[in-house]
Amino acid sequence: ISLDSAQSILAANATPALDIRAQSLYLKAQGSAGAAGSGQALDIGLDATGELTADVGGDLHINSPARSLTVGRVNAGGNVVLSAEADIPSTVTRSLTIDGSVSAPGTINLISGGKTVFTSRADVHAGVGDIELDVGALSMADGSRLRSDLGSIDIETVGDAVITGIETGNTTGNAVRVVSTVGRILDGGDSR
């Protein structure tokens, strides 16, 4: 499915029902896609072989409450929130895979109750904003990147955090924070 708007693409109501169900999804909007606030993100469900691609002039707020989510490419003009987390607490965890570039000048938040995977093609880049990951576990393949020009980078996992390619121009004492509450923090490779 491809959606193109000269304005914004917003959720019609704040119910747990899916707003979009598709094999793959491309969103293009001059404004935002989804919005901040409870129930205002676009709730999507994509096939296991599908992926999300988006070009938006404003913010991007996406949640995949019923299925795991693969992100191919995202270019936003504001903030980005990508979530693979059930609206209603569940014992089933969803994974989040970043398989391309995710770029925004503002903050980037990645949220997943399950494992978040950065393939070797993954490049998450914030301009002046912070990057925050709140995930069950993290696996960054060698060659992947997680970078902010000026913001801080905060990674919190429950399980293991396999990390590589983390960069920031932030010179403060809390520029980079990586915490695993139960697992280990491991080296994902050194090619960058």
Protein backbone atom coordinates (compact mmCIF):
# COMPACT_ATOMS: atom_id res chain seq x y z
CA ILE A 1 0.00 0.00 0.00
CA SER A 2 1.19 3.51 -0.81
CA LEU A 3 -0.38 6.57 0.86
CA ASP A 4 0.49 10.08 -0.34
CA SER A 5 -0.90 13.22 1.32
CA ALA A 6 -0.33 16.91 0.71
CA GLN A 7 -1.09 17.33 4.43
CA SER A 8 -0.82 14.74 7.25
CA ILE A 9 -1.81 11.09 7.60
CA LEU A 10 -3.47 10.63 11.00
CA ALA A 11 -5.27 7.89 12.92
CA ALA A 12 -9.05 8.33 12.71
CA ASN A 13 -9.59 7.21 16.30
CA ALA A 14 -7.61 6.15 19.34
CA THR A 15 -8.76 2.51 19.50
CA PRO A 16 -6.42 -0.52 19.58
CA ALA A 17 -7.69 -1.56 16.12
CA LEU A 18 -5.23 -1.43 13.23
CA ASP A 19 -5.33 1.69 11.08
CA ILE A 20 -3.48 -0.03 8.20
CA ARG A 21 -3.00 -3.73 7.35
CA ALA A 22 -0.74 -4.45 4.35
CA GLN A 23 2.05 -6.57 2.94
CA SER A 24 4.34 -3.50 2.83
CA LEU A 25 3.63 0.19 3.41
CA TYR A 26 4.96 3.43 1.91
CA LEU A 27 3.89 6.68 3.58
CA LYS A 28 4.49 10.07 1.98
CA ALA A 29 3.16 13.25 3.58
CA GLN A 30 4.01 16.93 3.48
CA GLY A 31 2.99 17.02 7.15
CA SER A 32 3.19 14.27 9.76
CA ALA A 33 2.21 10.60 9.78
CA GLY A 34 0.66 9.67 13.11
CA ALA A 35 0.89 11.93 16.13
CA ALA A 36 2.22 12.00 19.69
CA GLY A 37 -0.11 11.05 22.50
CA SER A 38 -1.98 7.98 23.67
CA GLY A 39 -3.53 6.13 20.74
CA GLN A 40 -2.49 8.76 18.18
CA ALA A 41 0.29 6.77 16.48
CA LEU A 42 -0.62 4.99 13.25
CA ASP A 43 -1.20 1.36 14.26
CA ILE A 44 -0.03 -0.85 11.40
CA GLY A 45 0.31 -4.56 10.70
CA LEU A 46 2.67 -5.69 7.94
CA ASP A 47 3.46 -9.16 6.63
CA ALA A 48 6.63 -10.86 7.83
CA THR A 49 8.23 -10.26 4.42
CA GLY A 50 7.05 -6.64 4.20
CA GLU A 51 8.60 -3.40 5.35
CA LEU A 52 7.77 0.19 6.22
CA THR A 53 9.15 3.04 4.10
CA ALA A 54 8.29 6.68 4.81
CA ASP A 55 9.06 10.21 3.63
CA VAL A 56 7.31 12.79 5.80
CA GLY A 57 7.85 16.51 6.26
CA GLY A 58 6.92 16.45 9.96
CA ASP A 59 6.88 13.83 12.72
CA LEU A 60 6.45 10.09 12.24
CA HIS A 61 4.70 8.02 14.93
CA ILE A 62 4.24 4.33 14.03
CA ASN A 63 3.24 1.39 16.22
CA SER A 64 2.96 -2.26 15.19
CA PRO A 65 0.91 -3.73 18.05
CA ALA A 66 0.11 -7.14 16.57
CA ARG A 67 3.13 -8.01 14.40
CA SER A 68 6.87 -7.55 14.27
CA LEU A 69 8.02 -4.56 12.21
CA THR A 70 10.76 -4.22 9.60
CA VAL A 71 11.80 -0.69 8.61
CA GLY A 72 13.41 -0.25 5.20
CA ARG A 73 13.90 3.52 5.06
CA VAL A 74 12.50 6.50 6.97
CA ASN A 75 13.15 10.17 6.26
CA ALA A 76 11.29 12.60 8.54
CA GLY A 77 11.43 16.36 9.01
CA GLY A 78 10.68 16.23 12.77
CA ASN A 79 10.75 13.49 15.41
CA VAL A 80 10.44 9.73 14.85
CA VAL A 81 8.87 7.05 17.06
CA LEU A 82 8.93 3.45 15.78
CA SER A 83 7.35 0.92 18.09
CA ALA A 84 6.65 -2.80 17.94
CA GLU A 85 4.74 -3.13 21.17
CA ALA A 86 1.24 -4.34 22.00
CA ASP A 87 -1.25 -1.67 23.14
CA ILE A 88 -2.61 -4.23 25.61
CA PRO A 89 -0.04 -6.09 27.75
CA SER A 90 0.73 -9.49 26.23
CA THR A 91 3.10 -12.40 26.72
CA VAL A 92 3.89 -12.29 22.97
CA THR A 93 6.78 -9.97 22.14
CA ARG A 94 7.22 -8.21 18.83
CA SER A 95 10.58 -7.58 17.23
CA LEU A 96 11.78 -4.45 15.44
CA THR A 97 14.26 -4.70 12.54
CA ILE A 98 16.04 -1.68 11.07
CA ASP A 99 17.22 -2.60 7.56
CA GLY A 100 18.09 0.81 6.11
CA SER A 101 18.38 4.48 7.01
CA VAL A 102 16.22 6.20 9.62
CA SER A 103 16.91 9.93 9.51
CA ALA A 104 15.39 12.91 11.31
CA PRO A 105 16.62 16.25 12.68
CA GLY A 106 14.73 15.71 15.95
CA THR A 107 14.55 12.84 18.42
CA ILE A 108 14.37 9.21 17.37
CA ASN A 109 12.74 6.66 19.68
CA LEU A 110 12.85 2.92 19.00
CA ILE A 111 10.64 0.76 21.24
CA SER A 112 10.17 -3.00 21.25
CA GLY A 113 9.18 -5.57 23.84
CA GLY A 114 11.22 -8.14 21.92
CA LYS A 115 14.53 -8.06 20.11
CA THR A 116 15.58 -5.08 18.02
CA VAL A 117 17.92 -5.93 15.15
CA PHE A 118 20.08 -3.54 13.14
CA THR A 119 21.22 -5.19 9.92
CA SER A 120 24.57 -4.20 8.39
CA ARG A 121 22.60 -1.67 6.23
CA ALA A 122 21.03 0.06 9.26
CA ASP A 123 21.93 3.74 9.76
CA VAL A 124 19.89 5.59 12.40
CA HIS A 125 20.80 9.29 12.33
CA ALA A 126 19.41 12.19 14.38
CA GLY A 127 20.51 15.76 13.73
CA VAL A 128 20.21 17.82 16.91
CA GLY A 129 17.88 15.40 18.70
CA ASP A 130 18.51 12.55 21.10
CA ILE A 131 18.21 8.85 20.23
CA GLU A 132 16.50 6.55 22.73
CA LEU A 133 16.13 2.78 22.53
CA ASP A 134 13.89 0.96 25.01
CA VAL A 135 13.94 -2.64 23.83
CA GLY A 136 13.88 -6.22 25.08
CA ALA A 137 17.28 -6.98 23.52
CA LEU A 138 19.51 -5.35 20.92
CA SER A 139 21.62 -6.88 18.17
CA MET A 140 23.60 -4.47 15.98
CA ALA A 141 25.36 -6.15 13.04
CA ASP A 142 28.88 -5.10 12.19
CA GLY A 143 28.64 -2.12 9.83
CA SER A 144 25.42 -0.72 11.29
CA ARG A 145 25.37 2.81 12.70
CA LEU A 146 23.54 4.68 15.47
CA ARG A 147 24.51 8.35 15.47
CA SER A 148 23.44 11.83 16.53
CA ASP A 149 25.20 15.00 15.46
CA LEU A 150 24.53 16.84 18.75
CA GLY A 151 22.14 14.76 20.86
CA SER A 152 22.69 12.05 23.44
CA ILE A 153 22.22 8.32 22.82
CA ASP A 154 20.42 6.26 25.47
CA ILE A 155 20.05 2.49 25.10
CA GLU A 156 18.23 0.36 27.65
CA THR A 157 17.61 -3.34 27.22
CA VAL A 158 16.37 -6.15 29.40
CA GLY A 159 18.44 -8.83 27.66
CA ASP A 160 21.76 -8.60 25.87
CA ALA A 161 22.85 -5.44 24.06
CA VAL A 162 25.20 -6.22 21.18
CA ILE A 163 26.46 -2.81 20.06
CA THR A 164 28.66 -1.22 17.38
CA GLY A 165 28.85 1.98 15.32
CA ILE A 166 27.58 4.38 18.02
CA GLU A 167 28.62 8.00 17.44
CA THR A 168 27.63 11.42 18.78
CA GLY A 169 28.99 14.94 18.65
CA ASN A 170 27.59 15.52 22.15
CA THR A 171 30.49 16.33 24.49
CA THR A 172 28.66 16.07 27.82
CA GLY A 173 29.26 13.39 30.43
CA ASN A 174 25.99 11.64 29.56
CA ALA A 175 26.47 11.65 25.79
CA VAL A 176 26.14 7.85 25.54
CA ARG A 177 24.42 5.55 28.04
CA VAL A 178 24.03 1.78 27.54
CA VAL A 179 22.27 -0.29 30.22
CA SER A 180 21.23 -3.95 30.22
CA THR A 181 19.11 -4.72 33.28
CA VAL A 182 19.51 -8.53 33.10
CA GLY A 183 21.77 -9.34 30.14
CA ARG A 184 25.24 -8.44 28.92
CA ILE A 185 26.74 -5.61 26.84
CA LEU A 186 28.75 -7.10 23.99
CA ASP A 187 30.86 -5.93 21.03
CA GLY A 188 29.04 -6.19 17.69
CA GLY A 189 32.12 -5.63 15.51
CA ASP A 190 34.65 -2.98 14.60
CA SER A 191 34.41 -2.31 10.86
CA ARG A 192 33.32 1.33 11.42
